[in-house]
C-alpha atoms as a PDB file:
ATOM      1  CA  MET A   1     167.438 -57.970  39.883  1.00  0.00           C
ATOM      2  CA  SER A   2     167.368 -60.608  37.137  1.00  0.00           C
ATOM      3  CA  THR A   3     164.614 -62.530  38.937  1.00  0.00           C
ATOM      4  CA  VAL A   4     162.458 -59.391  39.042  1.00  0.00           C
ATOM      5  CA  LEU A   5     163.045 -58.840  35.317  1.00  0.00           C
ATOM      6  CA  VAL A   6     162.181 -62.468  34.509  1.00  0.00           C
ATOM      7  CA  SER A   7     159.049 -62.154  36.650  1.00  0.00           C
ATOM      8  CA  ALA A   8     158.011 -58.928  34.889  1.00  0.00           C
ATOM      9  CA  ARG A   9     158.598 -60.560  31.499  1.00  0.00           C
ATOM     10  CA  SER A  10     156.521 -63.626  32.368  1.00  0.00           C
ATOM     11  CA  ASN A  11     153.716 -61.399  33.711  1.00  0.00           C
ATOM     12  CA  ALA A  12     153.711 -59.403  30.464  1.00  0.00           C
ATOM     13  CA  LEU A  13     153.644 -62.579  28.369  1.00  0.00           C
ATOM     14  CA  HIS A  14     150.780 -63.907  30.490  1.00  0.00           C
ATOM     15  CA  LYS A  15     148.845 -60.696  29.760  1.00  0.00           C
ATOM     16  CA  GLY A  16     149.318 -61.251  26.017  1.00  0.00           C
ATOM     17  CA  ALA A  17     152.359 -59.127  25.130  1.00  0.00           C
ATOM     18  CA  ARG A  18     154.710 -60.245  22.356  1.00  0.00           C
ATOM     19  CA  GLU A  19     158.110 -61.286  23.710  1.00  0.00           C
ATOM     20  CA  HIS A  20     160.190 -59.673  20.969  1.00  0.00           C
ATOM     21  CA  CYS A  21     158.395 -56.316  21.395  1.00  0.00           C
ATOM     22  CA  LEU A  22     159.056 -55.885  25.142  1.00  0.00           C
ATOM     23  CA  PHE A  23     161.411 -53.164  26.353  1.00  0.00           C
ATOM     24  CA  VAL A  24     162.338 -51.940  29.797  1.00  0.00           C
ATOM     25  CA  LYS A  25     160.689 -48.541  30.124  1.00  0.00           C
ATOM     26  CA  GLU A  26     161.531 -47.724  33.706  1.00  0.00           C
ATOM     27  CA  ILE A  27     163.347 -49.214  36.689  1.00  0.00           C
ATOM     28  CA  VAL A  28     162.719 -47.732  40.140  1.00  0.00           C
ATOM     29  CA  ILE A  29     164.761 -48.844  43.119  1.00  0.00           C
ATOM     30  CA  GLY A  30     163.799 -47.429  46.504  1.00  0.00           C
ATOM     31  CA  LYS A  31     164.073 -47.973  50.201  1.00  0.00           C
ATOM     32  CA  ALA A  32     161.901 -50.530  51.925  1.00  0.00           C
ATOM     33  CA  VAL A  33     161.312 -51.489  55.541  1.00  0.00           C
ATOM     34  CA  ARG A  34     164.440 -51.925  57.681  1.00  0.00           C
ATOM     35  CA  PHE A  35     164.448 -55.166  59.597  1.00  0.00           C
ATOM     36  CA  LYS A  36     165.621 -55.137  63.203  1.00  0.00           C
ATOM     37  CA  ARG A  37     167.344 -58.217  64.484  1.00  0.00           C
ATOM     38  CA  MET A  38     168.895 -59.111  67.792  1.00  0.00           C
ATOM     39  CA  ASP A  39     172.689 -58.884  67.842  1.00  0.00           C
ATOM     40  CA  ILE A  40     174.240 -60.988  70.618  1.00  0.00           C
ATOM     41  CA  ARG A  41     177.785 -60.053  71.598  1.00  0.00           C
ATOM     42  CA  ALA A  42     180.446 -61.113  74.043  1.00  0.00           C
ATOM     43  CA  LYS A  43     180.133 -60.726  77.831  1.00  0.00           C
ATOM     44  CA  GLY A  44     176.328 -60.910  77.723  1.00  0.00           C
ATOM     45  CA  LYS A  45     175.874 -57.698  75.798  1.00  0.00           C
ATOM     46  CA  THR A  46     173.208 -57.330  73.123  1.00  0.00           C
ATOM     47  CA  GLY A  47     172.350 -54.812  70.496  1.00  0.00           C
ATOM     48  CA  ILE A  48     170.079 -54.240  67.560  1.00  0.00           C
ATOM     49  CA  ARG A  49     171.275 -54.992  64.076  1.00  0.00           C
ATOM     50  CA  ARG A  50     169.376 -53.031  61.432  1.00  0.00           C
ATOM     51  CA  THR A  51     169.369 -54.635  57.998  1.00  0.00           C
ATOM     52  CA  PRO A  52     168.219 -52.357  55.204  1.00  0.00           C
ATOM     53  CA  SER A  53     166.225 -53.726  52.283  1.00  0.00           C
ATOM     54  CA  SER A  54     165.133 -52.258  48.998  1.00  0.00           C
ATOM     55  CA  SER A  55     162.205 -52.507  46.618  1.00  0.00           C
ATOM     56  CA  ILE A  56     162.597 -52.902  42.875  1.00  0.00           C
ATOM     57  CA  ARG A  57     159.930 -51.975  40.366  1.00  0.00           C
ATOM     58  CA  ILE A  58     160.353 -52.683  36.655  1.00  0.00           C
ATOM     59  CA  ILE A  59     157.949 -51.319  34.064  1.00  0.00           C
ATOM     60  CA  LEU A  60     157.981 -52.997  30.660  1.00  0.00           C
ATOM     61  CA  GLU A  61     156.674 -51.410  27.489  1.00  0.00           C
ATOM     62  CA  GLU A  62     155.556 -53.088  24.293  1.00  0.00           C
ATOM     63  CA  LYS A  63     156.744 -51.270  21.171  1.00  0.00           C
ATOM     64  CA  SER A  64     154.931 -51.403  17.853  1.00  0.00           C
ATOM     65  CA  LEU A  65     156.289 -53.337  14.885  1.00  0.00           C
ATOM     66  CA  GLU A  66     157.048 -50.047  13.119  1.00  0.00           C
ATOM     67  CA  ASP A  67     159.224 -48.880  16.027  1.00  0.00           C
ATOM     68  CA  LEU A  68     161.047 -52.217  16.088  1.00  0.00           C
ATOM     69  CA  TYR A  69     161.634 -51.999  12.359  1.00  0.00           C
ATOM     70  CA  LYS A  70     163.008 -48.468  12.736  1.00  0.00           C
ATOM     71  CA  LEU A  71     165.446 -49.763  15.348  1.00  0.00           C
ATOM     72  CA  ASN A  72     166.485 -52.644  13.093  1.00  0.00           C
ATOM     73  CA  ILE A  73     167.128 -50.606   9.967  1.00  0.00           C
ATOM     74  CA  SER A  74     169.071 -47.993  11.907  1.00  0.00           C
ATOM     75  CA  GLY A  75     171.301 -50.737  13.353  1.00  0.00           C
ATOM     76  CA  HIS A  76     170.108 -50.353  16.935  1.00  0.00           C
ATOM     77  CA  CYS A  77     168.454 -53.739  17.240  1.00  0.00           C
ATOM     78  CA  PRO A  78     168.173 -54.666  20.931  1.00  0.00           C
ATOM     79  CA  PRO A  79     170.069 -57.795  22.023  1.00  0.00           C
ATOM     80  CA  GLY A  80     166.817 -59.335  23.311  1.00  0.00           C
ATOM     81  CA  LEU A  81     165.359 -59.275  19.812  1.00  0.00           C
ATOM     82  CA  ALA A  82     168.627 -60.743  18.541  1.00  0.00           C
ATOM     83  CA  ALA A  83     168.244 -63.640  20.988  1.00  0.00           C
ATOM     84  CA  VAL A  84     164.653 -64.261  19.875  1.00  0.00           C
ATOM     85  CA  THR A  85     165.758 -64.209  16.219  1.00  0.00           C
ATOM     86  CA  ARG A  86     168.597 -66.654  16.913  1.00  0.00           C
ATOM     87  CA  LYS A  87     166.182 -68.989  18.695  1.00  0.00           C
ATOM     88  CA  ALA A  88     163.752 -68.811  15.757  1.00  0.00           C
ATOM     89  CA  LEU A  89     166.558 -69.577  13.289  1.00  0.00           C
ATOM     90  CA  ILE A  90     167.599 -72.614  15.334  1.00  0.00           C
ATOM     91  CA  GLU A  91     164.019 -73.902  15.667  1.00  0.00           C
ATOM     92  CA  THR A  92     163.369 -73.618  11.934  1.00  0.00           C
ATOM     93  CA  SER A  93     166.699 -75.259  11.024  1.00  0.00           C
ATOM     94  CA  ALA A  94     167.572 -72.288   8.826  1.00  0.00           C
ATOM     95  CA  ASP A  95     170.089 -72.693   6.026  1.00  0.00           C
ATOM     96  CA  PHE A  96     173.188 -70.522   5.586  1.00  0.00           C
ATOM     97  CA  GLU A  97     171.461 -67.943   3.369  1.00  0.00           C
ATOM     98  CA  GLN A  98     168.743 -67.256   5.951  1.00  0.00           C
ATOM     99  CA  VAL A  99     171.318 -66.966   8.733  1.00  0.00           C
ATOM    100  CA  ALA A 100     173.403 -64.567   6.616  1.00  0.00           C
ATOM    101  CA  LYS A 101     170.341 -62.406   5.889  1.00  0.00           C
ATOM    102  CA  ALA A 102     169.592 -62.144   9.617  1.00  0.00           C
ATOM    103  CA  ALA A 103     173.198 -61.298  10.582  1.00  0.00           C
ATOM    104  CA  TYR A 104     172.337 -57.588  10.894  1.00  0.00           C
ATOM    105  CA  ILE A 105     170.098 -58.553  13.818  1.00  0.00           C
ATOM    106  CA  THR A 106     171.848 -61.519  15.401  1.00  0.00           C
ATOM    107  CA  THR A 107     175.459 -60.313  15.716  1.00  0.00           C
ATOM    108  CA  ALA A 108     177.105 -57.202  17.106  1.00  0.00           C
ATOM    109  CA  ARG A 109     179.233 -56.914  13.973  1.00  0.00           C
ATOM    110  CA  GLY A 110     176.115 -57.125  11.819  1.00  0.00           C
ATOM    111  CA  ARG A 111     174.459 -54.329  13.821  1.00  0.00           C
ATOM    112  CA  PHE A 112     177.600 -52.197  13.409  1.00  0.00           C
ATOM    113  CA  GLU A 113     177.602 -52.776   9.640  1.00  0.00           C
ATOM    114  CA  GLN A 114     173.885 -51.977   9.510  1.00  0.00           C
ATOM    115  CA  ARG A 115     174.507 -48.652  11.311  1.00  0.00           C
ATOM    116  CA  LYS A 116     177.190 -47.766   8.749  1.00  0.00           C
ATOM    117  CA  LYS A 117     174.932 -48.754   5.857  1.00  0.00           C
ATOM    118  CA  PHE A 118     172.038 -46.766   7.331  1.00  0.00           C
ATOM    119  CA  LYS A 119     174.207 -43.649   7.674  1.00  0.00           C
ATOM    120  CA  LEU A 120     175.085 -43.855   3.982  1.00  0.00           C
ATOM    121  CA  GLN A 121     171.439 -44.345   3.018  1.00  0.00           C
ATOM    122  CA  LEU A 122     170.446 -41.418   5.213  1.00  0.00           C
ATOM    123  CA  GLU A 123     173.089 -39.176   3.620  1.00  0.00           C
ATOM    124  CA  GLU A 124     171.762 -40.085   0.168  1.00  0.00           C
ATOM    125  CA  ALA A 125     168.163 -39.436   1.227  1.00  0.00           C
ATOM    126  CA  HIS A 126     169.237 -36.106   2.747  1.00  0.00           C
ATOM    127  CA  ARG A 127     170.879 -35.030  -0.517  1.00  0.00           C
ATOM    128  CA  LYS A 128     167.782 -36.009  -2.518  1.00  0.00           C
ATOM    129  CA  MET A 129     165.407 -34.189  -0.162  1.00  0.00           C
ATOM    130  CA  CYS A 130     167.542 -31.028  -0.183  1.00  0.00           C
ATOM    131  CA  LYS A 131     167.602 -31.108  -3.975  1.00  0.00           C
ATOM    132  CA  GLU A 132     163.847 -31.749  -4.106  1.00  0.00           C
ATOM    133  CA  PHE A 133     162.963 -28.840  -1.796  1.00  0.00           C
ATOM    134  CA  GLY A 134     165.651 -26.566  -3.213  1.00  0.00           C
ATOM    135  CA  ARG A 135     167.053 -25.624   0.195  1.00  0.00           C
ATOM    136  CA  ARG A 136     169.071 -27.082   3.029  1.00  0.00           C
ATOM    137  CA  LEU A 137     167.161 -29.184   5.566  1.00  0.00           C
ATOM    138  CA  ALA A 138     168.069 -30.257   9.085  1.00  0.00           C
ATOM    139  CA  LYS A 139     169.371 -33.819   9.160  1.00  0.00           C
ATOM    140  CA  ARG A 140     167.031 -34.754  11.991  1.00  0.00           C
ATOM    141  CA  VAL A 141     164.050 -33.773   9.816  1.00  0.00           C
ATOM    142  CA  THR A 142     165.393 -35.877   6.963  1.00  0.00           C
ATOM    143  CA  ARG A 143     165.965 -38.794   9.320  1.00  0.00           C
ATOM    144  CA  LYS A 144     162.420 -38.636  10.685  1.00  0.00           C
ATOM    145  CA  VAL A 145     160.823 -38.414   7.225  1.00  0.00           C
ATOM    146  CA  TYR A 146     163.042 -41.186   5.836  1.00  0.00           C
ATOM    147  CA  MET A 147     162.364 -43.497   8.789  1.00  0.00           C
ATOM    148  CA  ASP A 148     158.617 -42.846   8.611  1.00  0.00           C
ATOM    149  CA  GLN A 149     158.544 -43.630   4.883  1.00  0.00           C
ATOM    150  CA  ILE A 150     160.423 -46.897   5.303  1.00  0.00           C
ATOM    151  CA  ALA A 151     158.450 -47.942   8.395  1.00  0.00           C
ATOM    152  CA  SER A 152     155.082 -47.193   6.793  1.00  0.00           C
ATOM    153  CA  ALA A 153     156.039 -49.240   3.718  1.00  0.00           C
ATOM    154  CA  TYR A 154     157.099 -52.082   6.037  1.00  0.00           C
ATOM    155  CA  ALA A 155     153.846 -51.865   8.030  1.00  0.00           C
ATOM    156  CA  GLU A 156     151.793 -51.980   4.826  1.00  0.00           C
ATOM    157  CA  GLY A 157     153.727 -55.078   3.725  1.00  0.00           C
ATOM    158  CA  ILE A 158     153.115 -56.777   7.071  1.00  0.00           C
ATOM    159  CA  LYS A 159     149.378 -55.973   6.959  1.00  0.00           C
ATOM    160  CA  LYS A 160     149.123 -57.264   3.402  1.00  0.00           C
ATOM    161  CA  LYS A 161     150.919 -60.479   4.371  1.00  0.00           C
ATOM    162  CA  GLU A 162     148.625 -60.968   7.389  1.00  0.00           C
ATOM    163  CA  GLU A 163     145.561 -60.483   5.170  1.00  0.00           C
ATOM    164  CA  GLU A 164     146.918 -63.033   2.686  1.00  0.00           C
ATOM    165  CA  ASP A 165     147.555 -65.503   5.540  1.00  0.00           C
ATOM    166  CA  VAL A 166     144.007 -65.040   6.843  1.00  0.00           C
ATOM    167  CA  GLU A 167     142.585 -65.577   3.348  1.00  0.00           C
ATOM    168  CA  GLU A 168     144.747 -68.685   2.846  1.00  0.00           C
ATOM    169  CA  ARG A 169     143.628 -70.184   6.175  1.00  0.00           C
ATOM    170  CA  ARG A 170     139.986 -69.437   5.271  1.00  0.00           C
ATOM    171  CA  MET A 171     140.396 -71.218   1.942  1.00  0.00           C
ATOM    172  CA  GLN A 172     141.972 -74.230   3.680  1.00  0.00           C
ATOM    173  CA  ARG A 173     139.103 -74.420   6.179  1.00  0.00           C
ATOM    174  CA  GLU A 174     136.594 -74.134   3.351  1.00  0.00           C
ATOM    175  CA  GLY A 175     138.305 -76.989   1.469  1.00  0.00           C
ATOM    176  CA  VAL A 176     138.265 -79.216   4.550  1.00  0.00           C
ATOM    177  CA  TYR A 177     134.591 -78.376   5.087  1.00  0.00           C
ATOM    178  CA  ARG A 178     133.728 -79.371   1.503  1.00  0.00           C
ATOM    179  CA  ILE A 179     135.638 -82.658   1.833  1.00  0.00           C
ATOM    180  CA  ASN A 180     133.852 -83.420   5.112  1.00  0.00           C
ATOM    181  CA  CYS A 181     130.458 -82.602   3.582  1.00  0.00           C
ATOM    182  CA  ALA A 182     131.177 -84.833   0.566  1.00  0.00           C
ATOM    183  CA  ASN A 183     132.280 -87.768   2.770  1.00  0.00           C
ATOM    184  CA  SER A 184     129.491 -87.373   5.303  1.00  0.00           C
ATOM    185  CA  PRO A 185     127.081 -90.359   5.471  1.00  0.00           C
ATOM    186  CA  ILE A 186     124.235 -87.994   6.443  1.00  0.00           C
ATOM    187  CA  LYS A 187     122.857 -86.060   3.478  1.00  0.00           C
END
């Protein structure tokens, strides 16, 4: 089963999916062709040995960054994302402060604490929304609105950061181009 999952993951990465956004959507295990083999027994007797086999199909799904963020802030960060985060922290030689900030993703205890913290934040948001609307609201409605607000703010921040990175890379390329033009023997 693990080989099929690794194969599905590598196929998804080859198609351009982001590793930390992959989730198992569906696993289907069914019957496959039964193989018939000769079974030789004592006193010259023979028989047919039927060996059943099965087929495994794994469907992976790529979730959006907003959905991943919703999982993280609610304390339900998947262990796969935790492993990717740990690997990134090791590769960047992160200091203690960075590791401590990422503890809500990388450790089970951190995820538990994040769930507790999120429940308290959700209770506070629920109280505020009930006071704002002047009536009692269902907690699931409050949760959805609260999560959407936080996730949209996060998505806007990510888009803004990506735009700044693109602009910075453009400025760097432009600077290199000017230096090359100034140093060029052909004018």
